PDB file of N, CA and C in Angstrom:
ATOM      1  N   MET A   1     118.791  74.349 121.990  1.00  0.00           N
ATOM      2  CA  MET A   1     118.676  73.175 122.827  1.00  0.00           C
ATOM      3  C   MET A   1     117.599  72.253 122.263  1.00  0.00           C
ATOM      4  N   ARG A   2     117.809  70.968 122.454  1.00  0.00           N
ATOM      5  CA  ARG A   2     116.940  69.976 121.840  1.00  0.00           C
ATOM      6  C   ARG A   2     116.341  69.043 122.894  1.00  0.00           C
ATOM      7  N   ILE A   3     115.416  68.199 122.430  1.00  0.00           N
ATOM      8  CA  ILE A   3     114.773  67.188 123.266  1.00  0.00           C
ATOM      9  C   ILE A   3     115.167  65.826 122.721  1.00  0.00           C
ATOM     10  N   ALA A   4     115.488  64.898 123.625  1.00  0.00           N
ATOM     11  CA  ALA A   4     115.825  63.537 123.222  1.00  0.00           C
ATOM     12  C   ALA A   4     115.031  62.553 124.077  1.00  0.00           C
ATOM     13  N   VAL A   5     114.837  61.372 123.525  1.00  0.00           N
ATOM     14  CA  VAL A   5     114.131  60.304 124.222  1.00  0.00           C
ATOM     15  C   VAL A   5     114.986  59.046 124.145  1.00  0.00           C
ATOM     16  N   ILE A   6     115.090  58.339 125.267  1.00  0.00           N
ATOM     17  CA  ILE A   6     115.748  57.039 125.304  1.00  0.00           C
ATOM     18  C   ILE A   6     114.666  56.027 125.653  1.00  0.00           C
ATOM     19  N   ALA A   7     114.459  55.056 124.763  1.00  0.00           N
ATOM     20  CA  ALA A   7     113.393  54.077 124.962  1.00  0.00           C
ATOM     21  C   ALA A   7     113.774  52.760 124.298  1.00  0.00           C
ATOM     22  N   ASP A   8     112.934  51.743 124.517  1.00  0.00           N
ATOM     23  CA  ASP A   8     113.189  50.469 123.851  1.00  0.00           C
ATOM     24  C   ASP A   8     113.107  50.695 122.339  1.00  0.00           C
ATOM     25  N   PRO A   9     113.707  49.816 121.543  1.00  0.00           N
ATOM     26  CA  PRO A   9     113.784  50.059 120.099  1.00  0.00           C
ATOM     27  C   PRO A   9     112.437  50.336 119.421  1.00  0.00           C
ATOM     28  N   GLU A  10     111.385  49.630 119.794  1.00  0.00           N
ATOM     29  CA  GLU A  10     110.082  49.850 119.157  1.00  0.00           C
ATOM     30  C   GLU A  10     109.523  51.228 119.495  1.00  0.00           C
ATOM     31  N   ALA A  11     109.575  51.599 120.758  1.00  0.00           N
ATOM     32  CA  ALA A  11     109.061  52.911 121.175  1.00  0.00           C
ATOM     33  C   ALA A  11     109.919  54.032 120.594  1.00  0.00           C
ATOM     34  N   ALA A  12     111.229  53.809 120.528  1.00  0.00           N
ATOM     35  CA  ALA A  12     112.116  54.829 119.957  1.00  0.00           C
ATOM     36  C   ALA A  12     111.726  55.128 118.512  1.00  0.00           C
ATOM     37  N   GLN A  13     111.373  54.092 117.770  1.00  0.00           N
ATOM     38  CA  GLN A  13     110.947  54.304 116.388  1.00  0.00           C
ATOM     39  C   GLN A  13     109.682  55.165 116.345  1.00  0.00           C
ATOM     40  N   GLY A  14     108.751  54.930 117.252  1.00  0.00           N
ATOM     41  CA  GLY A  14     107.535  55.742 117.313  1.00  0.00           C
ATOM     42  C   GLY A  14     107.840  57.197 117.633  1.00  0.00           C
ATOM     43  N   PHE A  15     108.754  57.435 118.562  1.00  0.00           N
ATOM     44  CA  PHE A  15     109.131  58.807 118.892  1.00  0.00           C
ATOM     45  C   PHE A  15     109.793  59.496 117.697  1.00  0.00           C
ATOM     46  N   ARG A  16     110.600  58.734 116.948  1.00  0.00           N
ATOM     47  CA  ARG A  16     111.221  59.301 115.747  1.00  0.00           C
ATOM     48  C   ARG A  16     110.165  59.701 114.725  1.00  0.00           C
ATOM     49  N   LEU A  17     109.166  58.847 114.562  1.00  0.00           N
ATOM     50  CA  LEU A  17     108.086  59.155 113.616  1.00  0.00           C
ATOM     51  C   LEU A  17     107.322  60.401 114.047  1.00  0.00           C
ATOM     52  N   ALA A  18     107.311  60.678 115.367  1.00  0.00           N
ATOM     53  CA  ALA A  18     106.643  61.875 115.879  1.00  0.00           C
ATOM     54  C   ALA A  18     107.539  63.111 115.767  1.00  0.00           C
ATOM     55  N   GLY A  19     108.765  62.933 115.281  1.00  0.00           N
ATOM     56  CA  GLY A  19     109.650  64.066 115.049  1.00  0.00           C
ATOM     57  C   GLY A  19     110.663  64.341 116.142  1.00  0.00           C
ATOM     58  N   LEU A  20     110.777  63.448 117.116  1.00  0.00           N
ATOM     59  CA  LEU A  20     111.748  63.648 118.188  1.00  0.00           C
ATOM     60  C   LEU A  20     113.027  62.876 117.913  1.00  0.00           C
ATOM     61  N   GLU A  21     114.109  63.325 118.521  1.00  0.00           N
ATOM     62  CA  GLU A  21     115.350  62.559 118.478  1.00  0.00           C
ATOM     63  C   GLU A  21     115.183  61.429 119.479  1.00  0.00           C
ATOM     64  N   ALA A  22     115.270  60.209 119.015  1.00  0.00           N
ATOM     65  CA  ALA A  22     115.072  59.063 119.896  1.00  0.00           C
ATOM     66  C   ALA A  22     116.231  58.098 119.749  1.00  0.00           C
ATOM     67  N   TYR A  23     116.647  57.550 120.867  1.00  0.00           N
ATOM     68  CA  TYR A  23     117.778  56.643 120.907  1.00  0.00           C
ATOM     69  C   TYR A  23     117.315  55.328 121.503  1.00  0.00           C
ATOM     70  N   PRO A  24     117.470  54.225 120.756  1.00  0.00           N
ATOM     71  CA  PRO A  24     117.030  52.933 121.265  1.00  0.00           C
ATOM     72  C   PRO A  24     118.006  52.361 122.286  1.00  0.00           C
ATOM     73  N   ALA A  25     117.451  51.650 123.259  1.00  0.00           N
ATOM     74  CA  ALA A  25     118.256  50.936 124.247  1.00  0.00           C
ATOM     75  C   ALA A  25     117.483  49.677 124.635  1.00  0.00           C
ATOM     76  N   ALA A  26     118.138  48.544 124.551  1.00  0.00           N
ATOM     77  CA  ALA A  26     117.485  47.281 124.867  1.00  0.00           C
ATOM     78  C   ALA A  26     117.688  46.864 126.320  1.00  0.00           C
ATOM     79  N   THR A  27     118.718  47.426 126.966  1.00  0.00           N
ATOM     80  CA  THR A  27     119.028  47.042 128.348  1.00  0.00           C
ATOM     81  C   THR A  27     119.255  48.298 129.195  1.00  0.00           C
ATOM     82  N   PRO A  28     119.162  48.166 130.518  1.00  0.00           N
ATOM     83  CA  PRO A  28     119.469  49.308 131.379  1.00  0.00           C
ATOM     84  C   PRO A  28     120.896  49.831 131.187  1.00  0.00           C
ATOM     85  N   GLU A  29     121.827  48.942 130.950  1.00  0.00           N
ATOM     86  CA  GLU A  29     123.217  49.357 130.748  1.00  0.00           C
ATOM     87  C   GLU A  29     123.351  50.210 129.487  1.00  0.00           C
ATOM     88  N   GLU A  30     122.666  49.784 128.426  1.00  0.00           N
ATOM     89  CA  GLU A  30     122.677  50.543 127.178  1.00  0.00           C
ATOM     90  C   GLU A  30     122.029  51.916 127.378  1.00  0.00           C
ATOM     91  N   ALA A  31     120.915  51.937 128.113  1.00  0.00           N
ATOM     92  CA  ALA A  31     120.217  53.202 128.377  1.00  0.00           C
ATOM     93  C   ALA A  31     121.106  54.144 129.179  1.00  0.00           C
ATOM     94  N   LYS A  32     121.809  53.610 130.169  1.00  0.00           N
ATOM     95  CA  LYS A  32     122.690  54.454 130.987  1.00  0.00           C
ATOM     96  C   LYS A  32     123.828  55.017 130.141  1.00  0.00           C
ATOM     97  N   ALA A  33     124.405  54.195 129.278  1.00  0.00           N
ATOM     98  CA  ALA A  33     125.491  54.666 128.412  1.00  0.00           C
ATOM     99  C   ALA A  33     124.998  55.759 127.465  1.00  0.00           C
ATOM    100  N   ARG A  34     123.813  55.583 126.899  1.00  0.00           N
ATOM    101  CA  ARG A  34     123.252  56.605 126.011  1.00  0.00           C
ATOM    102  C   ARG A  34     122.965  57.891 126.779  1.00  0.00           C
ATOM    103  N   LEU A  35     122.412  57.763 127.989  1.00  0.00           N
ATOM    104  CA  LEU A  35     122.114  58.938 128.806  1.00  0.00           C
ATOM    105  C   LEU A  35     123.391  59.692 129.153  1.00  0.00           C
ATOM    106  N   GLU A  36     124.422  58.974 129.535  1.00  0.00           N
ATOM    107  CA  GLU A  36     125.707  59.622 129.846  1.00  0.00           C
ATOM    108  C   GLU A  36     126.222  60.398 128.629  1.00  0.00           C
ATOM    109  N   ALA A  37     126.124  59.800 127.445  1.00  0.00           N
ATOM    110  CA  ALA A  37     126.601  60.465 126.224  1.00  0.00           C
ATOM    111  C   ALA A  37     125.789  61.725 125.939  1.00  0.00           C
ATOM    112  N   LEU A  38     124.477  61.666 126.146  1.00  0.00           N
ATOM    113  CA  LEU A  38     123.636  62.837 125.879  1.00  0.00           C
ATOM    114  C   LEU A  38     123.900  63.952 126.883  1.00  0.00           C
ATOM    115  N   VAL A  39     124.114  63.608 128.148  1.00  0.00           N
ATOM    116  CA  VAL A  39     124.420  64.619 129.165  1.00  0.00           C
ATOM    117  C   VAL A  39     125.758  65.282 128.840  1.00  0.00           C
ATOM    118  N   GLN A  40     126.745  64.483 128.492  1.00  0.00           N
ATOM    119  CA  GLN A  40     128.063  65.020 128.177  1.00  0.00           C
ATOM    120  C   GLN A  40     128.055  65.862 126.906  1.00  0.00           C
ATOM    121  N   ALA A  41     127.174  65.566 125.963  1.00  0.00           N
ATOM    122  CA  ALA A  41     127.105  66.328 124.716  1.00  0.00           C
ATOM    123  C   ALA A  41     126.721  67.776 124.977  1.00  0.00           C
ATOM    124  N   GLY A  42     125.901  68.012 125.989  1.00  0.00           N
ATOM    125  CA  GLY A  42     125.542  69.379 126.349  1.00  0.00           C
ATOM    126  C   GLY A  42     124.624  70.093 125.377  1.00  0.00           C
ATOM    127  N   ARG A  43     123.943  69.363 124.508  1.00  0.00           N
ATOM    128  CA  ARG A  43     123.081  69.986 123.499  1.00  0.00           C
ATOM    129  C   ARG A  43     121.585  69.813 123.795  1.00  0.00           C
ATOM    130  N   TYR A  44     121.247  69.219 124.920  1.00  0.00           N
ATOM    131  CA  TYR A  44     119.853  68.868 125.178  1.00  0.00           C
ATOM    132  C   TYR A  44     119.296  69.621 126.381  1.00  0.00           C
ATOM    133  N   ALA A  45     118.062  70.102 126.226  1.00  0.00           N
ATOM    134  CA  ALA A  45     117.368  70.761 127.333  1.00  0.00           C
ATOM    135  C   ALA A  45     116.578  69.743 128.132  1.00  0.00           C
ATOM    136  N   LEU A  46     116.104  68.686 127.465  1.00  0.00           N
ATOM    137  CA  LEU A  46     115.280  67.670 128.105  1.00  0.00           C
ATOM    138  C   LEU A  46     115.641  66.312 127.534  1.00  0.00           C
ATOM    139  N   VAL A  47     115.828  65.347 128.422  1.00  0.00           N
ATOM    140  CA  VAL A  47     116.033  63.964 128.001  1.00  0.00           C
ATOM    141  C   VAL A  47     115.003  63.126 128.754  1.00  0.00           C
ATOM    142  N   ALA A  48     114.088  62.528 128.000  1.00  0.00           N
ATOM    143  CA  ALA A  48     113.080  61.644 128.568  1.00  0.00           C
ATOM    144  C   ALA A  48     113.606  60.218 128.476  1.00  0.00           C
ATOM    145  N   VAL A  49     113.446  59.466 129.567  1.00  0.00           N
ATOM    146  CA  VAL A  49     113.988  58.110 129.636  1.00  0.00           C
ATOM    147  C   VAL A  49     112.888  57.144 130.048  1.00  0.00           C
ATOM    148  N   ASP A  50     112.737  56.063 129.295  1.00  0.00           N
ATOM    149  CA  ASP A  50     111.766  55.023 129.627  1.00  0.00           C
ATOM    150  C   ASP A  50     112.107  54.473 131.010  1.00  0.00           C
ATOM    151  N   GLN A  51     111.171  54.607 131.942  1.00  0.00           N
ATOM    152  CA  GLN A  51     111.469  54.195 133.316  1.00  0.00           C
ATOM    153  C   GLN A  51     111.589  52.683 133.468  1.00  0.00           C
ATOM    154  N   ALA A  52     111.163  51.907 132.467  1.00  0.00           N
ATOM    155  CA  ALA A  52     111.396  50.464 132.504  1.00  0.00           C
ATOM    156  C   ALA A  52     112.885  50.169 132.318  1.00  0.00           C
ATOM    157  N   LEU A  53     113.593  51.061 131.619  1.00  0.00           N
ATOM    158  CA  LEU A  53     115.034  50.902 131.415  1.00  0.00           C
ATOM    159  C   LEU A  53     115.832  51.526 132.560  1.00  0.00           C
ATOM    160  N   LEU A  54     115.489  52.750 132.932  1.00  0.00           N
ATOM    161  CA  LEU A  54     116.160  53.457 134.027  1.00  0.00           C
ATOM    162  C   LEU A  54     115.097  54.131 134.888  1.00  0.00           C
ATOM    163  N   PRO A  55     114.675  53.493 135.972  1.00  0.00           N
ATOM    164  CA  PRO A  55     113.623  54.087 136.792  1.00  0.00           C
ATOM    165  C   PRO A  55     114.032  55.422 137.415  1.00  0.00           C
ATOM    166  N   GLU A  56     115.318  55.629 137.690  1.00  0.00           N
ATOM    167  CA  GLU A  56     115.809  56.857 138.314  1.00  0.00           C
ATOM    168  C   GLU A  56     116.966  57.414 137.489  1.00  0.00           C
ATOM    169  N   PRO A  57     116.654  58.061 136.360  1.00  0.00           N
ATOM    170  CA  PRO A  57     117.746  58.545 135.499  1.00  0.00           C
ATOM    171  C   PRO A  57     118.668  59.551 136.180  1.00  0.00           C
ATOM    172  N   GLU A  58     118.121  60.336 137.137  1.00  0.00           N
ATOM    173  CA  GLU A  58     118.960  61.322 137.834  1.00  0.00           C
ATOM    174  C   GLU A  58     120.085  60.633 138.601  1.00  0.00           C
ATOM    175  N   GLN A  59     119.762  59.513 139.232  1.00  0.00           N
ATOM    176  CA  GLN A  59     120.781  58.793 139.998  1.00  0.00           C
ATOM    177  C   GLN A  59     121.812  58.141 139.087  1.00  0.00           C
ATOM    178  N   ALA A  60     121.389  57.732 137.896  1.00  0.00           N
ATOM    179  CA  ALA A  60     122.303  57.061 136.970  1.00  0.00           C
ATOM    180  C   ALA A  60     123.432  57.981 136.502  1.00  0.00           C
ATOM    181  N   VAL A  61     123.158  59.293 136.442  1.00  0.00           N
ATOM    182  CA  VAL A  61     124.175  60.240 135.956  1.00  0.00           C
ATOM    183  C   VAL A  61     124.416  61.365 136.968  1.00  0.00           C
ATOM    184  N   GLU A  62     124.205  61.078 138.219  1.00  0.00           N
ATOM    185  CA  GLU A  62     124.342  62.090 139.272  1.00  0.00           C
ATOM    186  C   GLU A  62     125.688  62.804 139.219  1.00  0.00           C
ATOM    187  N   ARG A  63     126.759  62.051 139.057  1.00  0.00           N
ATOM    188  CA  ARG A  63     128.098  62.642 139.022  1.00  0.00           C
ATOM    189  C   ARG A  63     128.260  63.576 137.822  1.00  0.00           C
ATOM    190  N   LEU A  64     127.743  63.172 136.669  1.00  0.00           N
ATOM    191  CA  LEU A  64     127.863  64.003 135.463  1.00  0.00           C
ATOM    192  C   LEU A  64     127.023  65.274 135.538  1.00  0.00           C
ATOM    193  N   MET A  65     125.945  65.257 136.333  1.00  0.00           N
ATOM    194  CA  MET A  65     125.028  66.397 136.410  1.00  0.00           C
ATOM    195  C   MET A  65     125.448  67.439 137.441  1.00  0.00           C
ATOM    196  N   ARG A  66     126.458  67.160 138.230  1.00  0.00           N
ATOM    197  CA  ARG A  66     126.890  68.126 139.254  1.00  0.00           C
ATOM    198  C   ARG A  66     127.228  69.470 138.615  1.00  0.00           C
ATOM    199  N   GLY A  67     126.586  70.515 139.120  1.00  0.00           N
ATOM    200  CA  GLY A  67     126.839  71.854 138.634  1.00  0.00           C
ATOM    201  C   GLY A  67     126.117  72.207 137.340  1.00  0.00           C
ATOM    202  N   LYS A  68     125.290  71.303 136.828  1.00  0.00           N
ATOM    203  CA  LYS A  68     124.564  71.560 135.584  1.00  0.00           C
ATOM    204  C   LYS A  68     123.070  71.666 135.869  1.00  0.00           C
ATOM    205  N   ASP A  69     122.417  72.568 135.176  1.00  0.00           N
ATOM    206  CA  ASP A  69     120.961  72.676 135.267  1.00  0.00           C
ATOM    207  C   ASP A  69     120.286  71.876 134.161  1.00  0.00           C
ATOM    208  N   LEU A  70     120.977  71.698 133.066  1.00  0.00           N
ATOM    209  CA  LEU A  70     120.412  70.989 131.924  1.00  0.00           C
ATOM    210  C   LEU A  70     121.303  69.828 131.542  1.00  0.00           C
ATOM    211  N   PRO A  71     120.717  68.787 131.030  1.00  0.00           N
ATOM    212  CA  PRO A  71     119.322  68.640 130.663  1.00  0.00           C
ATOM    213  C   PRO A  71     118.451  68.264 131.860  1.00  0.00           C
ATOM    214  N   VAL A  72     117.180  68.571 131.724  1.00  0.00           N
ATOM    215  CA  VAL A  72     116.193  68.074 132.677  1.00  0.00           C
ATOM    216  C   VAL A  72     115.983  66.612 132.316  1.00  0.00           C
ATOM    217  N   LEU A  73     116.029  65.744 133.312  1.00  0.00           N
ATOM    218  CA  LEU A  73     115.851  64.313 133.077  1.00  0.00           C
ATOM    219  C   LEU A  73     114.444  63.919 133.496  1.00  0.00           C
ATOM    220  N   LEU A  74     113.709  63.303 132.590  1.00  0.00           N
ATOM    221  CA  LEU A  74     112.311  62.992 132.818  1.00  0.00           C
ATOM    222  C   LEU A  74     112.058  61.502 132.612  1.00  0.00           C
ATOM    223  N   PRO A  75     111.757  60.772 133.692  1.00  0.00           N
ATOM    224  CA  PRO A  75     111.378  59.365 133.501  1.00  0.00           C
ATOM    225  C   PRO A  75     109.957  59.308 132.935  1.00  0.00           C
ATOM    226  N   ILE A  76     109.767  58.496 131.909  1.00  0.00           N
ATOM    227  CA  ILE A  76     108.442  58.356 131.303  1.00  0.00           C
ATOM    228  C   ILE A  76     108.033  56.886 131.318  1.00  0.00           C
ATOM    229  N   ALA A  77     106.746  56.651 131.378  1.00  0.00           N
ATOM    230  CA  ALA A  77     106.235  55.281 131.361  1.00  0.00           C
ATOM    231  C   ALA A  77     106.393  54.703 129.963  1.00  0.00           C
ATOM    232  N   GLY A  78     106.861  53.488 129.905  1.00  0.00           N
ATOM    233  CA  GLY A  78     107.011  52.825 128.617  1.00  0.00           C
ATOM    234  C   GLY A  78     105.703  52.235 128.139  1.00  0.00           C
ATOM    235  N   LEU A  79     105.573  52.093 126.845  1.00  0.00           N
ATOM    236  CA  LEU A  79     104.353  51.542 126.278  1.00  0.00           C
ATOM    237  C   LEU A  79     104.175  50.069 126.629  1.00  0.00           C
ATOM    238  N   LYS A  80     105.264  49.341 126.781  1.00  0.00           N
ATOM    239  CA  LYS A  80     105.143  47.924 127.141  1.00  0.00           C
ATOM    240  C   LYS A  80     104.425  47.774 128.478  1.00  0.00           C
ATOM    241  N   ASP A  81     104.732  48.647 129.437  1.00  0.00           N
ATOM    242  CA  ASP A  81     104.058  48.584 130.731  1.00  0.00           C
ATOM    243  C   ASP A  81     102.562  48.763 130.574  1.00  0.00           C
ATOM    244  N   ALA A  82     102.162  49.693 129.741  1.00  0.00           N
ATOM    245  CA  ALA A  82     100.740  49.976 129.555  1.00  0.00           C
ATOM    246  C   ALA A  82     100.011  48.794 128.932  1.00  0.00           C
ATOM    247  N   PHE A  83     100.602  48.196 127.913  1.00  0.00           N
ATOM    248  CA  PHE A  83      99.901  47.134 127.196  1.00  0.00           C
ATOM    249  C   PHE A  83     100.013  45.775 127.866  1.00  0.00           C
ATOM    250  N   GLN A  84     100.918  45.602 128.820  1.00  0.00           N
ATOM    251  CA  GLN A  84     100.985  44.361 129.567  1.00  0.00           C
ATOM    252  C   GLN A  84     100.027  44.379 130.747  1.00  0.00           C
ATOM    253  N   ASN A  85      99.538  45.550 131.096  1.00  0.00           N
ATOM    254  CA  ASN A  85      98.587  45.691 132.192  1.00  0.00           C
ATOM    255  C   ASN A  85      97.204  45.286 131.686  1.00  0.00           C
ATOM    256  N   PRO A  86      96.498  44.386 132.396  1.00  0.00           N
ATOM    257  CA  PRO A  86      95.179  43.964 131.919  1.00  0.00           C
ATOM    258  C   PRO A  86      94.152  45.108 131.888  1.00  0.00           C
ATOM    259  N   ASP A  87      94.332  46.121 132.726  1.00  0.00           N
ATOM    260  CA  ASP A  87      93.419  47.264 132.755  1.00  0.00           C
ATOM    261  C   ASP A  87      94.142  48.474 132.159  1.00  0.00           C
ATOM    262  N   VAL A  88      94.255  48.496 130.836  1.00  0.00           N
ATOM    263  CA  VAL A  88      95.003  49.552 130.145  1.00  0.00           C
ATOM    264  C   VAL A  88      94.391  50.920 130.447  1.00  0.00           C
ATOM    265  N   GLU A  89      93.078  51.021 130.424  1.00  0.00           N
ATOM    266  CA  GLU A  89      92.427  52.299 130.690  1.00  0.00           C
ATOM    267  C   GLU A  89      92.731  52.783 132.108  1.00  0.00           C
ATOM    268  N   GLY A  90      92.670  51.897 133.084  1.00  0.00           N
ATOM    269  CA  GLY A  90      93.003  52.262 134.463  1.00  0.00           C
ATOM    270  C   GLY A  90      94.457  52.668 134.606  1.00  0.00           C
ATOM    271  N   TYR A  91      95.336  51.962 133.903  1.00  0.00           N
ATOM    272  CA  TYR A  91      96.758  52.294 133.934  1.00  0.00           C
ATOM    273  C   TYR A  91      96.990  53.703 133.400  1.00  0.00           C
ATOM    274  N   MET A  92      96.371  54.008 132.250  1.00  0.00           N
ATOM    275  CA  MET A  92      96.553  55.326 131.654  1.00  0.00           C
ATOM    276  C   MET A  92      95.934  56.417 132.534  1.00  0.00           C
ATOM    277  N   ARG A  93      94.788  56.140 133.140  1.00  0.00           N
ATOM    278  CA  ARG A  93      94.154  57.116 134.037  1.00  0.00           C
ATOM    279  C   ARG A  93      95.070  57.419 135.225  1.00  0.00           C
ATOM    280  N   GLU A  94      95.651  56.380 135.814  1.00  0.00           N
ATOM    281  CA  GLU A  94      96.557  56.567 136.949  1.00  0.00           C
ATOM    282  C   GLU A  94      97.824  57.320 136.525  1.00  0.00           C
ATOM    283  N   LEU A  95      98.319  57.024 135.329  1.00  0.00           N
ATOM    284  CA  LEU A  95      99.496  57.712 134.807  1.00  0.00           C
ATOM    285  C   LEU A  95      99.219  59.204 134.646  1.00  0.00           C
ATOM    286  N   VAL A  96      98.063  59.552 134.101  1.00  0.00           N
ATOM    287  CA  VAL A  96      97.689  60.960 133.938  1.00  0.00           C
ATOM    288  C   VAL A  96      97.535  61.612 135.311  1.00  0.00           C
ATOM    289  N   ARG A  97      96.907  60.910 136.249  1.00  0.00           N
ATOM    290  CA  ARG A  97      96.713  61.456 137.590  1.00  0.00           C
ATOM    291  C   ARG A  97      98.061  61.746 138.261  1.00  0.00           C
ATOM    292  N   LYS A  98      98.990  60.828 138.150  1.00  0.00           N
ATOM    293  CA  LYS A  98     100.322  61.024 138.739  1.00  0.00           C
ATOM    294  C   LYS A  98     101.052  62.195 138.086  1.00  0.00           C
ATOM    295  N   THR A  99     100.897  62.308 136.779  1.00  0.00           N
ATOM    296  CA  THR A  99     101.637  63.315 136.021  1.00  0.00           C
ATOM    297  C   THR A  99     101.116  64.724 136.261  1.00  0.00           C
ATOM    298  N   ILE A 100      99.804  64.910 136.209  1.00  0.00           N
ATOM    299  CA  ILE A 100      99.262  66.261 136.314  1.00  0.00           C
ATOM    300  C   ILE A 100      98.598  66.543 137.648  1.00  0.00           C
ATOM    301  N   GLY A 101      98.442  65.521 138.479  1.00  0.00           N
ATOM    302  CA  GLY A 101      97.940  65.768 139.836  1.00  0.00           C
ATOM    303  C   GLY A 101      96.458  65.570 140.032  1.00  0.00           C
ATOM    304  N   PHE A 102      95.712  65.286 138.961  1.00  0.00           N
ATOM    305  CA  PHE A 102      94.296  64.995 139.133  1.00  0.00           C
ATOM    306  C   PHE A 102      93.804  64.139 137.975  1.00  0.00           C
ATOM    307  N   ASP A 103      92.620  63.561 138.157  1.00  0.00           N
ATOM    308  CA  ASP A 103      92.045  62.651 137.185  1.00  0.00           C
ATOM    309  C   ASP A 103      91.242  63.427 136.152  1.00  0.00           C
ATOM    310  N   ILE A 104      91.286  62.971 134.912  1.00  0.00           N
ATOM    311  CA  ILE A 104      90.502  63.578 133.841  1.00  0.00           C
ATOM    312  C   ILE A 104      89.572  62.508 133.303  1.00  0.00           C
ATOM    313  N   LYS A 105      88.306  62.824 133.207  1.00  0.00           N
ATOM    314  CA  LYS A 105      87.351  61.876 132.654  1.00  0.00           C
ATOM    315  C   LYS A 105      86.817  62.434 131.342  1.00  0.00           C
ATOM    316  N   LEU A 106      86.945  61.655 130.298  1.00  0.00           N
ATOM    317  CA  LEU A 106      86.455  62.087 128.976  1.00  0.00           C
ATOM    318  C   LEU A 106      85.154  61.423 128.640  1.00  0.00           C
TER     319      LEU A 106
END
């Protein structure tokens, strides 16, 4: 089983450079079509989706996921959201807090 990421073209390239299978999508419709194809392929344990493209990936493929445990669908924050926020550090701190349940101060 593999891991895949669906993100905007720039972020997808970064994920590829990090060694992940990444699929670019410029629009929500494109992201949904790619997600449907990955779910139907049945080769993925985890599919991470840029939440700027599909905020609720589970709902986008609800019908296709009936009776399936995999892939796990994970909405992830896109990099564009982080860098468009004037308080990037605060944005990242809140993202970490939401993800792991508490704040980390370095």
